Amino acid sequence: SLSPAPQSLYNLLTQNNPDSDEPFVTYIRAYNQVLAFTSLGVNLDKELANAKKGVYTFRIQGALYHQIG
């Protein structure tokens, strides 16, 4: 089973945030749009790509990080 969400996140999502006049969910789409614009740099194995006539999916080895800025 899933562990419960941290209290601060739970408060944001349930609009139970005493520190804010504006509910988080009012702007959740804007936050999502800002964080969704990302790019991904990869080192593509050209031999593997040529064997499959193009790469439609690929596997990320290691960790994937999102950096804002």
PDB file of N, CA and C in Angstrom:
ATOM      1  N   SER A   1       0.840  -1.190   0.000  1.00  0.00           N
ATOM      2  CA  SER A   1       0.000   0.000   0.000  1.00  0.00           C
ATOM      3  C   SER A   1       0.880   1.247   0.000  1.00  0.00           C
ATOM      4  N   LEU A   2       0.305   2.339  -0.419  1.00  0.00           N
ATOM      5  CA  LEU A   2       1.044   3.596  -0.478  1.00  0.00           C
ATOM      6  C   LEU A   2       1.155   4.232   0.893  1.00  0.00           C
ATOM      7  N   SER A   3       2.276   4.858   1.130  1.00  0.00           N
ATOM      8  CA  SER A   3       2.418   5.599   2.383  1.00  0.00           C
ATOM      9  C   SER A   3       1.675   6.930   2.245  1.00  0.00           C
ATOM     10  N   PRO A   4       1.211   7.486   3.337  1.00  0.00           N
ATOM     11  CA  PRO A   4       0.458   8.740   3.252  1.00  0.00           C
ATOM     12  C   PRO A   4       1.344   9.887   2.758  1.00  0.00           C
ATOM     13  N   ALA A   5       0.713  10.849   2.108  1.00  0.00           N
ATOM     14  CA  ALA A   5       1.435  12.025   1.605  1.00  0.00           C
ATOM     15  C   ALA A   5       1.907  12.877   2.779  1.00  0.00           C
ATOM     16  N   PRO A   6       3.013  13.602   2.599  1.00  0.00           N
ATOM     17  CA  PRO A   6       3.433  14.537   3.655  1.00  0.00           C
ATOM     18  C   PRO A   6       2.324  15.544   3.949  1.00  0.00           C
ATOM     19  N   GLN A   7       2.235  15.970   5.181  1.00  0.00           N
ATOM     20  CA  GLN A   7       1.139  16.848   5.597  1.00  0.00           C
ATOM     21  C   GLN A   7       1.091  18.135   4.779  1.00  0.00           C
ATOM     22  N   SER A   8       2.248  18.720   4.461  1.00  0.00           N
ATOM     23  CA  SER A   8       2.253  19.969   3.687  1.00  0.00           C
ATOM     24  C   SER A   8       1.682  19.762   2.286  1.00  0.00           C
ATOM     25  N   LEU A   9       2.011  18.652   1.639  1.00  0.00           N
ATOM     26  CA  LEU A   9       1.463  18.356   0.314  1.00  0.00           C
ATOM     27  C   LEU A   9      -0.026  18.052   0.403  1.00  0.00           C
ATOM     28  N   TYR A  10      -0.416  17.300   1.399  1.00  0.00           N
ATOM     29  CA  TYR A  10      -1.832  16.989   1.606  1.00  0.00           C
ATOM     30  C   TYR A  10      -2.640  18.279   1.786  1.00  0.00           C
ATOM     31  N   ASN A  11      -2.098  19.211   2.563  1.00  0.00           N
ATOM     32  CA  ASN A  11      -2.794  20.486   2.780  1.00  0.00           C
ATOM     33  C   ASN A  11      -2.954  21.266   1.481  1.00  0.00           C
ATOM     34  N   LEU A  12      -1.927  21.255   0.623  1.00  0.00           N
ATOM     35  CA  LEU A  12      -2.031  21.956  -0.659  1.00  0.00           C
ATOM     36  C   LEU A  12      -3.124  21.362  -1.535  1.00  0.00           C
ATOM     37  N   LEU A  13      -3.142  20.055  -1.636  1.00  0.00           N
ATOM     38  CA  LEU A  13      -4.078  19.396  -2.545  1.00  0.00           C
ATOM     39  C   LEU A  13      -5.510  19.391  -2.039  1.00  0.00           C
ATOM     40  N   THR A  14      -5.700  19.486  -0.739  1.00  0.00           N
ATOM     41  CA  THR A  14      -7.052  19.491  -0.181  1.00  0.00           C
ATOM     42  C   THR A  14      -7.536  20.898   0.142  1.00  0.00           C
ATOM     43  N   GLN A  15      -6.778  21.908  -0.278  1.00  0.00           N
ATOM     44  CA  GLN A  15      -7.110  23.314  -0.045  1.00  0.00           C
ATOM     45  C   GLN A  15      -7.207  23.635   1.438  1.00  0.00           C
ATOM     46  N   ASN A  16      -6.445  22.911   2.245  1.00  0.00           N
ATOM     47  CA  ASN A  16      -6.429  23.129   3.683  1.00  0.00           C
ATOM     48  C   ASN A  16      -5.090  23.764   4.052  1.00  0.00           C
ATOM     49  N   ASN A  17      -4.810  24.930   3.472  1.00  0.00           N
ATOM     50  CA  ASN A  17      -3.526  25.585   3.672  1.00  0.00           C
ATOM     51  C   ASN A  17      -3.740  26.924   4.368  1.00  0.00           C
ATOM     52  N   PRO A  18      -3.533  26.990   5.671  1.00  0.00           N
ATOM     53  CA  PRO A  18      -3.789  28.237   6.400  1.00  0.00           C
ATOM     54  C   PRO A  18      -2.816  29.361   6.054  1.00  0.00           C
ATOM     55  N   ASP A  19      -1.674  29.053   5.422  1.00  0.00           N
ATOM     56  CA  ASP A  19      -0.668  30.070   5.100  1.00  0.00           C
ATOM     57  C   ASP A  19      -0.947  30.798   3.792  1.00  0.00           C
ATOM     58  N   SER A  20      -1.968  30.412   3.061  1.00  0.00           N
ATOM     59  CA  SER A  20      -2.201  30.986   1.740  1.00  0.00           C
ATOM     60  C   SER A  20      -3.631  31.478   1.603  1.00  0.00           C
ATOM     61  N   ASP A  21      -3.770  32.642   0.946  1.00  0.00           N
ATOM     62  CA  ASP A  21      -5.106  33.164   0.645  1.00  0.00           C
ATOM     63  C   ASP A  21      -5.685  32.498  -0.593  1.00  0.00           C
ATOM     64  N   GLU A  22      -4.806  32.082  -1.515  1.00  0.00           N
ATOM     65  CA  GLU A  22      -5.236  31.455  -2.764  1.00  0.00           C
ATOM     66  C   GLU A  22      -5.027  29.949  -2.678  1.00  0.00           C
ATOM     67  N   PRO A  23      -6.036  29.172  -3.028  1.00  0.00           N
ATOM     68  CA  PRO A  23      -5.846  27.711  -3.012  1.00  0.00           C
ATOM     69  C   PRO A  23      -4.885  27.259  -4.104  1.00  0.00           C
ATOM     70  N   PHE A  24      -4.042  26.312  -3.775  1.00  0.00           N
ATOM     71  CA  PHE A  24      -3.049  25.768  -4.703  1.00  0.00           C
ATOM     72  C   PHE A  24      -3.697  25.203  -5.954  1.00  0.00           C
ATOM     73  N   VAL A  25      -4.827  24.522  -5.789  1.00  0.00           N
ATOM     74  CA  VAL A  25      -5.458  23.875  -6.937  1.00  0.00           C
ATOM     75  C   VAL A  25      -5.978  24.874  -7.964  1.00  0.00           C
ATOM     76  N   THR A  26      -6.169  26.138  -7.573  1.00  0.00           N
ATOM     77  CA  THR A  26      -6.582  27.166  -8.524  1.00  0.00           C
ATOM     78  C   THR A  26      -5.523  27.347  -9.606  1.00  0.00           C
ATOM     79  N   TYR A  27      -4.262  27.231  -9.223  1.00  0.00           N
ATOM     80  CA  TYR A  27      -3.152  27.478 -10.146  1.00  0.00           C
ATOM     81  C   TYR A  27      -2.397  26.210 -10.526  1.00  0.00           C
ATOM     82  N   ILE A  28      -2.933  25.038 -10.211  1.00  0.00           N
ATOM     83  CA  ILE A  28      -2.194  23.801 -10.443  1.00  0.00           C
ATOM     84  C   ILE A  28      -1.892  23.581 -11.928  1.00  0.00           C
ATOM     85  N   ARG A  29      -2.791  23.989 -12.822  1.00  0.00           N
ATOM     86  CA  ARG A  29      -2.517  23.834 -14.260  1.00  0.00           C
ATOM     87  C   ARG A  29      -1.373  24.733 -14.708  1.00  0.00           C
ATOM     88  N   ALA A  30      -1.317  25.930 -14.180  1.00  0.00           N
ATOM     89  CA  ALA A  30      -0.212  26.835 -14.523  1.00  0.00           C
ATOM     90  C   ALA A  30       1.113  26.272 -14.024  1.00  0.00           C
ATOM     91  N   TYR A  31       1.131  25.745 -12.804  1.00  0.00           N
ATOM     92  CA  TYR A  31       2.357  25.135 -12.280  1.00  0.00           C
ATOM     93  C   TYR A  31       2.772  23.963 -13.161  1.00  0.00           C
ATOM     94  N   ASN A  32       1.826  23.161 -13.565  1.00  0.00           N
ATOM     95  CA  ASN A  32       2.125  22.005 -14.408  1.00  0.00           C
ATOM     96  C   ASN A  32       2.696  22.446 -15.756  1.00  0.00           C
ATOM     97  N   GLN A  33       2.131  23.487 -16.350  1.00  0.00           N
ATOM     98  CA  GLN A  33       2.616  23.968 -17.644  1.00  0.00           C
ATOM     99  C   GLN A  33       4.039  24.503 -17.542  1.00  0.00           C
ATOM    100  N   VAL A  34       4.336  25.205 -16.467  1.00  0.00           N
ATOM    101  CA  VAL A  34       5.684  25.750 -16.290  1.00  0.00           C
ATOM    102  C   VAL A  34       6.702  24.630 -16.139  1.00  0.00           C
ATOM    103  N   LEU A  35       6.363  23.610 -15.384  1.00  0.00           N
ATOM    104  CA  LEU A  35       7.312  22.527 -15.124  1.00  0.00           C
ATOM    105  C   LEU A  35       7.335  21.482 -16.226  1.00  0.00           C
ATOM    106  N   ALA A  36       6.365  21.495 -17.134  1.00  0.00           N
ATOM    107  CA  ALA A  36       6.291  20.468 -18.173  1.00  0.00           C
ATOM    108  C   ALA A  36       7.218  20.750 -19.348  1.00  0.00           C
ATOM    109  N   PHE A  37       7.628  21.990 -19.541  1.00  0.00           N
ATOM    110  CA  PHE A  37       8.485  22.334 -20.677  1.00  0.00           C
ATOM    111  C   PHE A  37       9.923  21.964 -20.342  1.00  0.00           C
ATOM    112  N   THR A  38      10.326  20.814 -20.792  1.00  0.00           N
ATOM    113  CA  THR A  38      11.672  20.331 -20.512  1.00  0.00           C
ATOM    114  C   THR A  38      12.284  19.791 -21.785  1.00  0.00           C
ATOM    115  N   SER A  39      13.572  19.644 -21.778  1.00  0.00           N
ATOM    116  CA  SER A  39      14.261  18.996 -22.887  1.00  0.00           C
ATOM    117  C   SER A  39      15.134  17.891 -22.313  1.00  0.00           C
ATOM    118  N   LEU A  40      15.493  16.980 -23.157  1.00  0.00           N
ATOM    119  CA  LEU A  40      16.251  15.822 -22.712  1.00  0.00           C
ATOM    120  C   LEU A  40      17.423  15.619 -23.653  1.00  0.00           C
ATOM    121  N   GLY A  41      18.623  15.617 -23.113  1.00  0.00           N
ATOM    122  CA  GLY A  41      19.813  15.338 -23.911  1.00  0.00           C
ATOM    123  C   GLY A  41      20.205  13.884 -23.736  1.00  0.00           C
ATOM    124  N   VAL A  42      20.513  13.214 -24.816  1.00  0.00           N
ATOM    125  CA  VAL A  42      20.868  11.794 -24.739  1.00  0.00           C
ATOM    126  C   VAL A  42      22.095  11.512 -25.592  1.00  0.00           C
ATOM    127  N   ASN A  43      22.764  10.440 -25.259  1.00  0.00           N
ATOM    128  CA  ASN A  43      23.802   9.874 -26.115  1.00  0.00           C
ATOM    129  C   ASN A  43      23.180   8.665 -26.789  1.00  0.00           C
ATOM    130  N   LEU A  44      22.844   8.809 -28.052  1.00  0.00           N
ATOM    131  CA  LEU A  44      22.134   7.772 -28.785  1.00  0.00           C
ATOM    132  C   LEU A  44      23.121   6.782 -29.390  1.00  0.00           C
ATOM    133  N   ASP A  45      22.876   5.509 -29.184  1.00  0.00           N
ATOM    134  CA  ASP A  45      23.698   4.453 -29.781  1.00  0.00           C
ATOM    135  C   ASP A  45      23.259   4.301 -31.231  1.00  0.00           C
ATOM    136  N   LYS A  46      24.036   4.841 -32.157  1.00  0.00           N
ATOM    137  CA  LYS A  46      23.647   4.857 -33.573  1.00  0.00           C
ATOM    138  C   LYS A  46      23.571   3.458 -34.175  1.00  0.00           C
ATOM    139  N   GLU A  47      24.407   2.537 -33.708  1.00  0.00           N
ATOM    140  CA  GLU A  47      24.348   1.167 -34.238  1.00  0.00           C
ATOM    141  C   GLU A  47      23.026   0.510 -33.866  1.00  0.00           C
ATOM    142  N   LEU A  48      22.608   0.686 -32.644  1.00  0.00           N
ATOM    143  CA  LEU A  48      21.331   0.119 -32.206  1.00  0.00           C
ATOM    144  C   LEU A  48      20.175   0.801 -32.937  1.00  0.00           C
ATOM    145  N   ALA A  49      20.259   2.106 -33.103  1.00  0.00           N
ATOM    146  CA  ALA A  49      19.193   2.836 -33.794  1.00  0.00           C
ATOM    147  C   ALA A  49      19.078   2.385 -35.244  1.00  0.00           C
ATOM    148  N   ASN A  50      20.196   2.164 -35.919  1.00  0.00           N
ATOM    149  CA  ASN A  50      20.161   1.731 -37.313  1.00  0.00           C
ATOM    150  C   ASN A  50      19.624   0.315 -37.452  1.00  0.00           C
ATOM    151  N   ALA A  51      19.880  -0.528 -36.474  1.00  0.00           N
ATOM    152  CA  ALA A  51      19.392  -1.906 -36.532  1.00  0.00           C
ATOM    153  C   ALA A  51      17.870  -1.959 -36.429  1.00  0.00           C
ATOM    154  N   LYS A  52      17.301  -0.990 -35.786  1.00  0.00           N
ATOM    155  CA  LYS A  52      15.846  -0.974 -35.580  1.00  0.00           C
ATOM    156  C   LYS A  52      15.138  -0.016 -36.535  1.00  0.00           C
ATOM    157  N   LYS A  53      15.864   0.582 -37.467  1.00  0.00           N
ATOM    158  CA  LYS A  53      15.300   1.543 -38.422  1.00  0.00           C
ATOM    159  C   LYS A  53      14.647   2.726 -37.717  1.00  0.00           C
ATOM    160  N   GLY A  54      15.306   3.238 -36.727  1.00  0.00           N
ATOM    161  CA  GLY A  54      14.801   4.395 -35.990  1.00  0.00           C
ATOM    162  C   GLY A  54      14.510   4.033 -34.548  1.00  0.00           C
ATOM    163  N   VAL A  55      14.573   5.008 -33.709  1.00  0.00           N
ATOM    164  CA  VAL A  55      14.319   4.791 -32.285  1.00  0.00           C
ATOM    165  C   VAL A  55      12.973   5.406 -31.936  1.00  0.00           C
ATOM    166  N   TYR A  56      12.037   4.589 -31.575  1.00  0.00           N
ATOM    167  CA  TYR A  56      10.728   5.084 -31.157  1.00  0.00           C
ATOM    168  C   TYR A  56      10.647   5.203 -29.647  1.00  0.00           C
ATOM    169  N   THR A  57      11.373   4.379 -28.939  1.00  0.00           N
ATOM    170  CA  THR A  57      11.473   4.460 -27.486  1.00  0.00           C
ATOM    171  C   THR A  57      12.922   4.244 -27.111  1.00  0.00           C
ATOM    172  N   PHE A  58      13.273   4.662 -25.931  1.00  0.00           N
ATOM    173  CA  PHE A  58      14.624   4.415 -25.456  1.00  0.00           C
ATOM    174  C   PHE A  58      14.603   4.264 -23.955  1.00  0.00           C
ATOM    175  N   ARG A  59      15.670   3.702 -23.428  1.00  0.00           N
ATOM    176  CA  ARG A  59      15.786   3.426 -22.002  1.00  0.00           C
ATOM    177  C   ARG A  59      16.776   4.401 -21.392  1.00  0.00           C
ATOM    178  N   ILE A  60      16.420   4.932 -20.247  1.00  0.00           N
ATOM    179  CA  ILE A  60      17.321   5.810 -19.511  1.00  0.00           C
ATOM    180  C   ILE A  60      18.013   4.964 -18.458  1.00  0.00           C
ATOM    181  N   GLN A  61      19.336   4.980 -18.480  1.00  0.00           N
ATOM    182  CA  GLN A  61      20.107   4.266 -17.468  1.00  0.00           C
ATOM    183  C   GLN A  61      20.618   5.285 -16.465  1.00  0.00           C
ATOM    184  N   GLY A  62      20.443   4.998 -15.202  1.00  0.00           N
ATOM    185  CA  GLY A  62      20.849   5.941 -14.160  1.00  0.00           C
ATOM    186  C   GLY A  62      19.666   6.787 -13.737  1.00  0.00           C
ATOM    187  N   ALA A  63      19.955   7.956 -13.240  1.00  0.00           N
ATOM    188  CA  ALA A  63      18.914   8.840 -12.715  1.00  0.00           C
ATOM    189  C   ALA A  63      18.586   9.940 -13.718  1.00  0.00           C
ATOM    190  N   LEU A  64      17.348  10.373 -13.711  1.00  0.00           N
ATOM    191  CA  LEU A  64      16.887  11.477 -14.549  1.00  0.00           C
ATOM    192  C   LEU A  64      16.552  12.636 -13.615  1.00  0.00           C
ATOM    193  N   TYR A  65      17.138  13.798 -13.880  1.00  0.00           N
ATOM    194  CA  TYR A  65      16.941  14.958 -13.022  1.00  0.00           C
ATOM    195  C   TYR A  65      16.243  16.066 -13.793  1.00  0.00           C
ATOM    196  N   HIS A  66      15.420  16.835 -13.105  1.00  0.00           N
ATOM    197  CA  HIS A  66      14.748  17.993 -13.688  1.00  0.00           C
ATOM    198  C   HIS A  66      15.351  19.233 -13.053  1.00  0.00           C
ATOM    199  N   GLN A  67      15.985  20.075 -13.857  1.00  0.00           N
ATOM    200  CA  GLN A  67      16.594  21.299 -13.349  1.00  0.00           C
ATOM    201  C   GLN A  67      15.841  22.492 -13.910  1.00  0.00           C
ATOM    202  N   ILE A  68      15.445  23.391 -13.051  1.00  0.00           N
ATOM    203  CA  ILE A  68      14.737  24.594 -13.468  1.00  0.00           C
ATOM    204  C   ILE A  68      15.766  25.700 -13.673  1.00  0.00           C
ATOM    205  N   GLY A  69      15.663  26.371 -14.811  1.00  0.00           N
ATOM    206  CA  GLY A  69      16.557  27.508 -15.021  1.00  0.00           C
ATOM    207  C   GLY A  69      17.220  27.507 -16.350  1.00  0.00           C
TER     208      GLY A  69
END
